[in-house]
C-alpha atoms as a PDB file:
ATOM      1  CA  MET A   1     -50.026  -8.930 -44.867  1.00  0.00           C
ATOM      2  CA  GLN A   2     -46.412  -8.915 -43.793  1.00  0.00           C
ATOM      3  CA  ILE A   3     -45.588  -7.985 -40.190  1.00  0.00           C
ATOM      4  CA  ARG A   4     -42.251  -6.305 -39.702  1.00  0.00           C
ATOM      5  CA  HIS A   5     -40.405  -6.443 -36.464  1.00  0.00           C
ATOM      6  CA  PRO A   6     -39.303  -2.936 -35.364  1.00  0.00           C
ATOM      7  CA  LEU A   7     -35.681  -4.034 -34.944  1.00  0.00           C
ATOM      8  CA  SER A   8     -35.554  -5.340 -38.504  1.00  0.00           C
ATOM      9  CA  GLU A   9     -35.920  -1.778 -39.761  1.00  0.00           C
ATOM     10  CA  ARG A  10     -32.932  -0.271 -38.030  1.00  0.00           C
ATOM     11  CA  PRO A  11     -31.865   2.956 -39.733  1.00  0.00           C
ATOM     12  CA  SER A  12     -28.364   3.462 -41.009  1.00  0.00           C
ATOM     13  CA  PHE A  13     -26.305   5.645 -38.742  1.00  0.00           C
ATOM     14  CA  GLY A  14     -24.743   8.557 -40.535  1.00  0.00           C
ATOM     15  CA  SER A  15     -22.655  11.219 -38.887  1.00  0.00           C
ATOM     16  CA  THR A  16     -25.755  13.248 -37.953  1.00  0.00           C
ATOM     17  CA  ALA A  17     -28.024  10.385 -36.893  1.00  0.00           C
ATOM     18  CA  ARG A  18     -28.509   9.736 -33.198  1.00  0.00           C
ATOM     19  CA  ARG A  19     -27.809   6.156 -32.199  1.00  0.00           C
ATOM     20  CA  PRO A  20     -30.676   4.560 -30.276  1.00  0.00           C
ATOM     21  CA  HIS A  21     -29.910   3.014 -26.893  1.00  0.00           C
ATOM     22  CA  TRP A  22     -29.916  -0.528 -28.307  1.00  0.00           C
ATOM     23  CA  ALA A  23     -27.162   0.384 -30.744  1.00  0.00           C
ATOM     24  CA  ALA A  24     -24.877   2.132 -28.260  1.00  0.00           C
ATOM     25  CA  PRO A  25     -21.394   0.673 -28.085  1.00  0.00           C
ATOM     26  CA  LYS A  26     -20.370  -0.944 -24.838  1.00  0.00           C
ATOM     27  CA  PRO A  27     -17.868   1.137 -22.884  1.00  0.00           C
ATOM     28  CA  THR A  28     -14.433  -0.344 -22.475  1.00  0.00           C
ATOM     29  CA  ARG A  29     -11.575   0.522 -20.189  1.00  0.00           C
ATOM     30  CA  ILE A  30      -8.091  -0.432 -21.241  1.00  0.00           C
ATOM     31  CA  ARG A  31      -5.643  -0.864 -18.410  1.00  0.00           C
ATOM     32  CA  THR A  32      -2.110  -1.953 -17.895  1.00  0.00           C
ATOM     33  CA  VAL A  33      -1.903  -4.868 -15.481  1.00  0.00           C
ATOM     34  CA  LEU A  34       1.252  -5.217 -13.463  1.00  0.00           C
ATOM     35  CA  ASN A  35       2.690  -8.677 -13.065  1.00  0.00           C
ATOM     36  CA  ASP A  36       2.878  -7.977  -9.353  1.00  0.00           C
ATOM     37  CA  PRO A  37       0.187  -5.495  -8.218  1.00  0.00           C
ATOM     38  CA  SER A  38       0.814  -3.627  -4.996  1.00  0.00           C
ATOM     39  CA  PRO A  39      -0.463  -5.210  -1.769  1.00  0.00           C
ATOM     40  CA  TRP A  40      -3.950  -4.433  -0.484  1.00  0.00           C
ATOM     41  CA  ILE A  41      -3.966  -1.641   2.130  1.00  0.00           C
ATOM     42  CA  LYS A  42      -6.624  -0.286   4.485  1.00  0.00           C
ATOM     43  CA  ALA A  43      -7.067   2.657   6.809  1.00  0.00           C
ATOM     44  CA  HIS A  44      -5.575   2.395  10.292  1.00  0.00           C
ATOM     45  CA  LYS A  45      -9.017   3.037  11.820  1.00  0.00           C
ATOM     46  CA  SER A  46     -10.276  -0.281  10.415  1.00  0.00           C
ATOM     47  CA  ASN A  47      -7.415  -2.408  11.799  1.00  0.00           C
ATOM     48  CA  GLY A  48      -8.672  -5.039  14.219  1.00  0.00           C
ATOM     49  CA  SER A  49     -12.272  -4.755  13.052  1.00  0.00           C
ATOM     50  CA  SER A  50     -14.324  -6.134  10.204  1.00  0.00           C
ATOM     51  CA  ASN A  51     -15.052  -2.640   8.833  1.00  0.00           C
ATOM     52  CA  CYS A  52     -12.405  -2.799   6.137  1.00  0.00           C
ATOM     53  CA  VAL A  53     -12.304  -1.258   2.695  1.00  0.00           C
ATOM     54  CA  GLU A  54      -9.032  -2.111   0.972  1.00  0.00           C
ATOM     55  CA  LEU A  55      -7.283  -0.470  -1.955  1.00  0.00           C
ATOM     56  CA  ARG A  56      -4.308  -1.321  -4.132  1.00  0.00           C
ATOM     57  CA  ARG A  57      -2.621  -0.061  -7.278  1.00  0.00           C
ATOM     58  CA  ASN A  58      -2.810  -2.348 -10.303  1.00  0.00           C
ATOM     59  CA  GLY A  59      -1.234  -0.826 -13.374  1.00  0.00           C
ATOM     60  CA  SER A  60      -2.998   2.401 -14.276  1.00  0.00           C
ATOM     61  CA  VAL A  61      -5.989   1.848 -11.968  1.00  0.00           C
ATOM     62  CA  ILE A  62      -6.722   1.781  -8.253  1.00  0.00           C
ATOM     63  CA  GLU A  63      -8.747  -1.242  -7.143  1.00  0.00           C
ATOM     64  CA  LEU A  64     -11.129  -1.156  -4.178  1.00  0.00           C
ATOM     65  CA  ARG A  65     -12.686  -4.152  -2.405  1.00  0.00           C
ATOM     66  CA  ASN A  66     -14.482  -5.209   0.771  1.00  0.00           C
ATOM     67  CA  SER A  67     -12.003  -7.225   2.828  1.00  0.00           C
ATOM     68  CA  LYS A  68     -14.782  -9.469   4.143  1.00  0.00           C
ATOM     69  CA  ILE A  69     -15.283 -10.692   0.551  1.00  0.00           C
ATOM     70  CA  PRO A  70     -11.734 -10.842  -0.872  1.00  0.00           C
ATOM     71  CA  ASP A  71     -12.755 -12.947  -3.877  1.00  0.00           C
ATOM     72  CA  GLY A  72     -15.938 -10.951  -4.480  1.00  0.00           C
ATOM     73  CA  PRO A  73     -16.469  -8.149  -6.956  1.00  0.00           C
ATOM     74  CA  GLY A  74     -14.266  -5.109  -6.694  1.00  0.00           C
ATOM     75  CA  LEU A  75     -14.206  -1.690  -8.289  1.00  0.00           C
ATOM     76  CA  GLU A  76     -11.592  -0.018 -10.469  1.00  0.00           C
ATOM     77  CA  PHE A  77     -10.909   3.721 -10.503  1.00  0.00           C
ATOM     78  CA  THR A  78      -8.520   5.943 -12.391  1.00  0.00           C
ATOM     79  CA  GLY A  79      -6.208   8.117 -10.341  1.00  0.00           C
ATOM     80  CA  ALA A  80      -8.315  11.190 -11.209  1.00  0.00           C
ATOM     81  CA  GLU A  81     -11.535   9.452 -10.127  1.00  0.00           C
ATOM     82  CA  LEU A  82     -10.112   8.386  -6.781  1.00  0.00           C
ATOM     83  CA  ASP A  83      -8.496  11.780  -6.264  1.00  0.00           C
ATOM     84  CA  ALA A  84     -11.884  13.487  -6.690  1.00  0.00           C
ATOM     85  CA  PHE A  85     -13.473  11.078  -4.201  1.00  0.00           C
ATOM     86  CA  VAL A  86     -10.714  11.464  -1.599  1.00  0.00           C
ATOM     87  CA  ASP A  87     -10.939  15.240  -1.933  1.00  0.00           C
ATOM     88  CA  GLY A  88     -14.715  15.167  -1.351  1.00  0.00           C
ATOM     89  CA  ALA A  89     -14.384  12.759   1.570  1.00  0.00           C
ATOM     90  CA  GLY A  90     -11.720  14.957   3.142  1.00  0.00           C
ATOM     91  CA  LYS A  91     -14.083  17.927   2.899  1.00  0.00           C
ATOM     92  CA  GLY A  92     -16.892  15.959   4.578  1.00  0.00           C
ATOM     93  CA  GLU A  93     -19.116  15.896   1.481  1.00  0.00           C
ATOM     94  CA  PHE A  94     -20.288  12.343   2.209  1.00  0.00           C
ATOM     95  CA  ASN A  95     -20.602  12.501   5.990  1.00  0.00           C
ATOM     96  CA  HIS A  96     -24.390  12.739   5.827  1.00  0.00           C
ATOM     97  CA  LEU A  97     -24.473   9.221   4.345  1.00  0.00           C
ATOM     98  CA  ILE A  98     -23.018   7.661   7.511  1.00  0.00           C
ATOM     99  CA  ASP A  99     -24.023  10.055  10.304  1.00  0.00           C
ATOM    100  CA  ASP A 100     -26.633   7.691  11.752  1.00  0.00           C
ATOM    101  CA  LEU A 101     -24.661   4.488  10.981  1.00  0.00           C
ATOM    102  CA  VAL A 102     -21.495   4.986  13.052  1.00  0.00           C
END
């Protein structure tokens, strides 16, 4: 009796076949990196305190980081992504997340 491992029987993927989660391609984001990205900036309200979120432009993306961890992980956003967030924040759509924290 031969036992077959389920992954050894992977189907071929034609144009109509649905790719299973284990065969999904990894997403990639191509960006242009400037030789000299813009300096990190933060909101005036955070000056003089440790409550700092900093942003800068780096090629075709906007980078965001926690200033308390400058070498830690950061996030990258397209201009459209950050524009949608800033619009929602300006309209108070996220205020409920911090109402009891500030």
